[in-house]
């Protein structure tokens, strides 16, 4: 397995992964489905080296993005030093490989290197299976929170409260 930054030449493959993830979400009951994401947003993440991919056998097995500020979701907690993980999408051919564990180890190394206190992520609604999955890889579930102002966020953030998760790197 290899983790690397995505490049502009990967953008069609990235969007294919998002489409496959949305299709999978649609097959589940009571799960918020991702919208079509803005191409410019993804291009900006790639240029800013915030879009990543996990390769297995030279094939994209999983993708995700990060940011270092997320005020629309984390609101007053956004002042903490943190890396925020977004839009983890696993190629269906590789589902079940627990890539979230690999991403968490990668994020911990990044957090140690940069001195971040927290690794954070969110999901929408009360997806109990996903909550358990994230807790099993070391995230603390902080609870469900209604967003005060989701205007600048993708459409799906307007449909349900957000489930917030974090790993405190300074916690013993």
C-alpha atoms as a PDB file:
ATOM      1  CA  UNK A   1       0.000   0.000   0.000  1.00  0.00           C
ATOM      2  CA  UNK A   2       1.112   3.498  -0.811  1.00  0.00           C
ATOM      3  CA  UNK A   3      -0.366   6.842   0.275  1.00  0.00           C
ATOM      4  CA  UNK A   4       0.292   9.832  -1.928  1.00  0.00           C
ATOM      5  CA  UNK A   5      -1.115  13.195  -2.899  1.00  0.00           C
ATOM      6  CA  UNK A   6      -3.594  13.115  -5.728  1.00  0.00           C
ATOM      7  CA  UNK A   7      -2.759  14.987  -8.919  1.00  0.00           C
ATOM      8  CA  UNK A   8      -4.948  16.800 -11.425  1.00  0.00           C
ATOM      9  CA  UNK A   9      -4.610  13.804 -13.742  1.00  0.00           C
ATOM     10  CA  UNK A  10      -6.447  11.755 -11.060  1.00  0.00           C
ATOM     11  CA  UNK A  11      -9.528  13.981 -10.970  1.00  0.00           C
ATOM     12  CA  UNK A  12     -11.760  11.761 -13.116  1.00  0.00           C
ATOM     13  CA  UNK A  13     -10.837   8.729 -10.982  1.00  0.00           C
ATOM     14  CA  UNK A  14     -11.573  10.748  -7.828  1.00  0.00           C
ATOM     15  CA  UNK A  15     -15.015  11.684  -9.104  1.00  0.00           C
ATOM     16  CA  UNK A  16     -15.634   8.057 -10.044  1.00  0.00           C
ATOM     17  CA  UNK A  17     -14.890   7.086  -6.420  1.00  0.00           C
ATOM     18  CA  UNK A  18     -17.331   9.737  -5.164  1.00  0.00           C
ATOM     19  CA  UNK A  19     -20.016   8.476  -7.554  1.00  0.00           C
ATOM     20  CA  UNK A  20     -19.486   4.882  -6.404  1.00  0.00           C
ATOM     21  CA  UNK A  21     -19.636   6.009  -2.755  1.00  0.00           C
ATOM     22  CA  UNK A  22     -22.901   7.892  -3.407  1.00  0.00           C
ATOM     23  CA  UNK A  23     -24.348   4.816  -5.101  1.00  0.00           C
ATOM     24  CA  UNK A  24     -23.411   2.724  -2.067  1.00  0.00           C
ATOM     25  CA  UNK A  25     -24.947   5.322   0.282  1.00  0.00           C
ATOM     26  CA  UNK A  26     -28.193   5.204  -1.726  1.00  0.00           C
ATOM     27  CA  UNK A  27     -28.359   1.453  -1.144  1.00  0.00           C
ATOM     28  CA  UNK A  28     -28.462   1.969   2.627  1.00  0.00           C
ATOM     29  CA  UNK A  29     -31.539   3.002   4.570  1.00  0.00           C
ATOM     30  CA  UNK A  30     -31.557   6.278   6.507  1.00  0.00           C
ATOM     31  CA  UNK A  31     -28.119   7.400   5.290  1.00  0.00           C
ATOM     32  CA  UNK A  32     -27.425  10.887   3.951  1.00  0.00           C
ATOM     33  CA  UNK A  33     -26.199  10.621   0.349  1.00  0.00           C
ATOM     34  CA  UNK A  34     -23.324  12.735  -0.887  1.00  0.00           C
ATOM     35  CA  UNK A  35     -24.209  15.276  -3.557  1.00  0.00           C
ATOM     36  CA  UNK A  36     -22.156  15.800  -6.697  1.00  0.00           C
ATOM     37  CA  UNK A  37     -19.146  17.701  -5.414  1.00  0.00           C
ATOM     38  CA  UNK A  38     -17.887  20.892  -6.981  1.00  0.00           C
ATOM     39  CA  UNK A  39     -15.035  20.170  -9.397  1.00  0.00           C
ATOM     40  CA  UNK A  40     -13.244  23.419  -8.526  1.00  0.00           C
ATOM     41  CA  UNK A  41     -13.304  22.481  -4.822  1.00  0.00           C
ATOM     42  CA  UNK A  42     -11.579  19.172  -5.602  1.00  0.00           C
ATOM     43  CA  UNK A  43      -9.100  20.829  -7.989  1.00  0.00           C
ATOM     44  CA  UNK A  44      -8.219  23.352  -5.265  1.00  0.00           C
ATOM     45  CA  UNK A  45      -7.644  20.547  -2.762  1.00  0.00           C
ATOM     46  CA  UNK A  46      -5.340  18.817  -5.237  1.00  0.00           C
ATOM     47  CA  UNK A  47      -3.355  21.981  -5.968  1.00  0.00           C
ATOM     48  CA  UNK A  48      -3.104  22.693  -2.217  1.00  0.00           C
ATOM     49  CA  UNK A  49      -1.923  19.087  -1.657  1.00  0.00           C
ATOM     50  CA  UNK A  50      -4.897  18.259   0.577  1.00  0.00           C
ATOM     51  CA  UNK A  51      -6.414  15.437  -1.516  1.00  0.00           C
ATOM     52  CA  UNK A  52      -4.923  11.973  -0.916  1.00  0.00           C
ATOM     53  CA  UNK A  53      -5.189   8.462  -2.210  1.00  0.00           C
ATOM     54  CA  UNK A  54      -4.249   5.055  -0.963  1.00  0.00           C
ATOM     55  CA  UNK A  55      -2.977   2.842  -3.757  1.00  0.00           C
ATOM     56  CA  UNK A  56      -3.052  -0.920  -3.769  1.00  0.00           C
ATOM     57  CA  UNK A  57      -1.600  -2.757  -6.769  1.00  0.00           C
ATOM     58  CA  UNK A  58      -1.187   0.674  -8.440  1.00  0.00           C
ATOM     59  CA  UNK A  59      -4.956   1.183  -8.273  1.00  0.00           C
ATOM     60  CA  UNK A  60      -6.795   3.810  -6.240  1.00  0.00           C
ATOM     61  CA  UNK A  61      -8.283   1.865  -3.343  1.00  0.00           C
ATOM     62  CA  UNK A  62      -9.347   4.812  -1.181  1.00  0.00           C
ATOM     63  CA  UNK A  63      -9.407   8.619  -1.318  1.00  0.00           C
ATOM     64  CA  UNK A  64      -9.869  11.388   1.220  1.00  0.00           C
ATOM     65  CA  UNK A  65      -9.226  15.084   1.710  1.00  0.00           C
ATOM     66  CA  UNK A  66      -7.969  17.108   4.642  1.00  0.00           C
ATOM     67  CA  UNK A  67      -8.111  20.660   5.824  1.00  0.00           C
ATOM     68  CA  UNK A  68      -6.570  22.519   8.746  1.00  0.00           C
ATOM     69  CA  UNK A  69      -9.557  24.726   9.449  1.00  0.00           C
ATOM     70  CA  UNK A  70     -13.227  23.787   9.426  1.00  0.00           C
ATOM     71  CA  UNK A  71     -15.215  26.610  11.068  1.00  0.00           C
ATOM     72  CA  UNK A  72     -18.564  25.865   9.415  1.00  0.00           C
ATOM     73  CA  UNK A  73     -18.674  22.410  10.999  1.00  0.00           C
ATOM     74  CA  UNK A  74     -16.523  22.700  14.114  1.00  0.00           C
ATOM     75  CA  UNK A  75     -17.644  26.261  14.969  1.00  0.00           C
ATOM     76  CA  UNK A  76     -16.040  27.435  18.247  1.00  0.00           C
ATOM     77  CA  UNK A  77     -13.850  24.293  18.433  1.00  0.00           C
ATOM     78  CA  UNK A  78     -12.170  25.371  15.185  1.00  0.00           C
ATOM     79  CA  UNK A  79      -9.647  27.428  17.196  1.00  0.00           C
ATOM     80  CA  UNK A  80      -7.945  24.166  18.271  1.00  0.00           C
ATOM     81  CA  UNK A  81      -4.939  22.903  16.326  1.00  0.00           C
ATOM     82  CA  UNK A  82      -6.316  20.065  14.244  1.00  0.00           C
ATOM     83  CA  UNK A  83      -6.307  18.195  10.974  1.00  0.00           C
ATOM     84  CA  UNK A  84      -9.802  17.533   9.644  1.00  0.00           C
ATOM     85  CA  UNK A  85     -10.464  14.506   7.445  1.00  0.00           C
ATOM     86  CA  UNK A  86     -13.231  14.683   4.834  1.00  0.00           C
ATOM     87  CA  UNK A  87     -14.888  12.496   2.208  1.00  0.00           C
ATOM     88  CA  UNK A  88     -13.286   9.107   2.755  1.00  0.00           C
ATOM     89  CA  UNK A  89     -14.366   7.015  -0.228  1.00  0.00           C
ATOM     90  CA  UNK A  90     -13.279   3.420  -0.717  1.00  0.00           C
ATOM     91  CA  UNK A  91     -13.248   1.686  -4.074  1.00  0.00           C
ATOM     92  CA  UNK A  92     -15.946  -1.045  -3.794  1.00  0.00           C
ATOM     93  CA  UNK A  93     -13.401  -3.666  -4.900  1.00  0.00           C
ATOM     94  CA  UNK A  94     -11.433  -2.906  -1.724  1.00  0.00           C
ATOM     95  CA  UNK A  95     -14.276  -2.446   0.758  1.00  0.00           C
ATOM     96  CA  UNK A  96     -13.750  -4.340   4.007  1.00  0.00           C
ATOM     97  CA  UNK A  97     -10.002  -3.705   4.232  1.00  0.00           C
ATOM     98  CA  UNK A  98     -10.416  -1.250   7.140  1.00  0.00           C
ATOM     99  CA  UNK A  99      -8.553   1.534   5.364  1.00  0.00           C
ATOM    100  CA  UNK A 100      -9.780   3.934   8.055  1.00  0.00           C
ATOM    101  CA  UNK A 101      -7.157   2.351  10.350  1.00  0.00           C
ATOM    102  CA  UNK A 102      -4.466   3.107   7.773  1.00  0.00           C
ATOM    103  CA  UNK A 103      -5.758   6.682   7.392  1.00  0.00           C
ATOM    104  CA  UNK A 104      -5.777   7.154  11.178  1.00  0.00           C
ATOM    105  CA  UNK A 105      -2.144   5.988  11.444  1.00  0.00           C
ATOM    106  CA  UNK A 106      -1.214   8.310   8.574  1.00  0.00           C
ATOM    107  CA  UNK A 107      -3.099  11.205  10.225  1.00  0.00           C
ATOM    108  CA  UNK A 108      -1.420  10.533  13.574  1.00  0.00           C
ATOM    109  CA  UNK A 109       1.988  10.763  11.932  1.00  0.00           C
ATOM    110  CA  UNK A 110       0.942  14.044  10.285  1.00  0.00           C
ATOM    111  CA  UNK A 111      -0.429  15.387  13.591  1.00  0.00           C
ATOM    112  CA  UNK A 112       2.785  14.508  15.440  1.00  0.00           C
ATOM    113  CA  UNK A 113       4.932  16.082  12.725  1.00  0.00           C
ATOM    114  CA  UNK A 114       2.887  19.315  12.639  1.00  0.00           C
ATOM    115  CA  UNK A 115       2.113  19.447  16.368  1.00  0.00           C
ATOM    116  CA  UNK A 116      -1.669  19.212  15.970  1.00  0.00           C
ATOM    117  CA  UNK A 117      -3.629  18.349  19.086  1.00  0.00           C
ATOM    118  CA  UNK A 118      -6.584  16.781  17.280  1.00  0.00           C
ATOM    119  CA  UNK A 119      -7.499  14.572  14.356  1.00  0.00           C
ATOM    120  CA  UNK A 120     -11.141  15.207  13.525  1.00  0.00           C
ATOM    121  CA  UNK A 121     -13.830  14.033  11.190  1.00  0.00           C
ATOM    122  CA  UNK A 122     -17.569  14.269  10.839  1.00  0.00           C
ATOM    123  CA  UNK A 123     -20.456  12.422   9.307  1.00  0.00           C
ATOM    124  CA  UNK A 124     -24.088  13.322   8.942  1.00  0.00           C
ATOM    125  CA  UNK A 125     -26.944  11.994  10.985  1.00  0.00           C
ATOM    126  CA  UNK A 126     -26.895   9.190  13.496  1.00  0.00           C
ATOM    127  CA  UNK A 127     -25.343   6.433  11.419  1.00  0.00           C
ATOM    128  CA  UNK A 128     -24.825   3.980  14.282  1.00  0.00           C
ATOM    129  CA  UNK A 129     -22.748   1.537  12.252  1.00  0.00           C
ATOM    130  CA  UNK A 130     -20.365   4.285  11.110  1.00  0.00           C
ATOM    131  CA  UNK A 131     -20.209   5.765  14.624  1.00  0.00           C
ATOM    132  CA  UNK A 132     -19.150   2.370  15.968  1.00  0.00           C
ATOM    133  CA  UNK A 133     -16.643   1.945  13.126  1.00  0.00           C
ATOM    134  CA  UNK A 134     -14.966   5.287  13.891  1.00  0.00           C
ATOM    135  CA  UNK A 135     -14.944   4.590  17.631  1.00  0.00           C
ATOM    136  CA  UNK A 136     -13.306   1.209  16.981  1.00  0.00           C
ATOM    137  CA  UNK A 137     -10.342   2.908  15.278  1.00  0.00           C
ATOM    138  CA  UNK A 138      -9.760   5.313  18.161  1.00  0.00           C
ATOM    139  CA  UNK A 139     -12.047   8.300  17.620  1.00  0.00           C
ATOM    140  CA  UNK A 140     -14.063   9.694  20.510  1.00  0.00           C
ATOM    141  CA  UNK A 141     -17.670  10.301  19.482  1.00  0.00           C
ATOM    142  CA  UNK A 142     -18.570  13.802  20.680  1.00  0.00           C
ATOM    143  CA  UNK A 143     -22.249  13.561  19.786  1.00  0.00           C
ATOM    144  CA  UNK A 144     -24.760  14.947  17.310  1.00  0.00           C
ATOM    145  CA  UNK A 145     -24.801  18.692  16.724  1.00  0.00           C
ATOM    146  CA  UNK A 146     -27.073  20.885  14.614  1.00  0.00           C
ATOM    147  CA  UNK A 147     -24.995  23.232  12.470  1.00  0.00           C
ATOM    148  CA  UNK A 148     -25.631  26.909  13.110  1.00  0.00           C
ATOM    149  CA  UNK A 149     -24.868  28.077   9.584  1.00  0.00           C
ATOM    150  CA  UNK A 150     -24.364  25.417   6.868  1.00  0.00           C
ATOM    151  CA  UNK A 151     -24.758  27.963   4.041  1.00  0.00           C
ATOM    152  CA  UNK A 152     -21.162  27.562   2.766  1.00  0.00           C
ATOM    153  CA  UNK A 153     -21.167  23.762   3.015  1.00  0.00           C
ATOM    154  CA  UNK A 154     -22.191  21.179   0.408  1.00  0.00           C
ATOM    155  CA  UNK A 155     -25.954  20.572   0.249  1.00  0.00           C
ATOM    156  CA  UNK A 156     -26.016  17.356   2.258  1.00  0.00           C
ATOM    157  CA  UNK A 157     -24.956  19.256   5.403  1.00  0.00           C
ATOM    158  CA  UNK A 158     -28.371  20.948   5.426  1.00  0.00           C
ATOM    159  CA  UNK A 159     -30.229  17.641   5.852  1.00  0.00           C
ATOM    160  CA  UNK A 160     -29.278  16.420   9.337  1.00  0.00           C
ATOM    161  CA  UNK A 161     -27.245  17.170  12.449  1.00  0.00           C
ATOM    162  CA  UNK A 162     -23.568  16.361  12.236  1.00  0.00           C
ATOM    163  CA  UNK A 163     -21.823  13.602  14.203  1.00  0.00           C
ATOM    164  CA  UNK A 164     -18.441  14.830  15.395  1.00  0.00           C
ATOM    165  CA  UNK A 165     -15.407  12.664  16.154  1.00  0.00           C
ATOM    166  CA  UNK A 166     -11.897  13.412  17.341  1.00  0.00           C
ATOM    167  CA  UNK A 167      -8.681  11.856  18.505  1.00  0.00           C
ATOM    168  CA  UNK A 168      -6.836  13.949  21.082  1.00  0.00           C
ATOM    169  CA  UNK A 169      -3.147  13.456  20.393  1.00  0.00           C
ATOM    170  CA  UNK A 170      -2.218  14.915  23.799  1.00  0.00           C
ATOM    171  CA  UNK A 171      -4.505  12.588  25.768  1.00  0.00           C
ATOM    172  CA  UNK A 172      -2.704   9.955  27.759  1.00  0.00           C
END
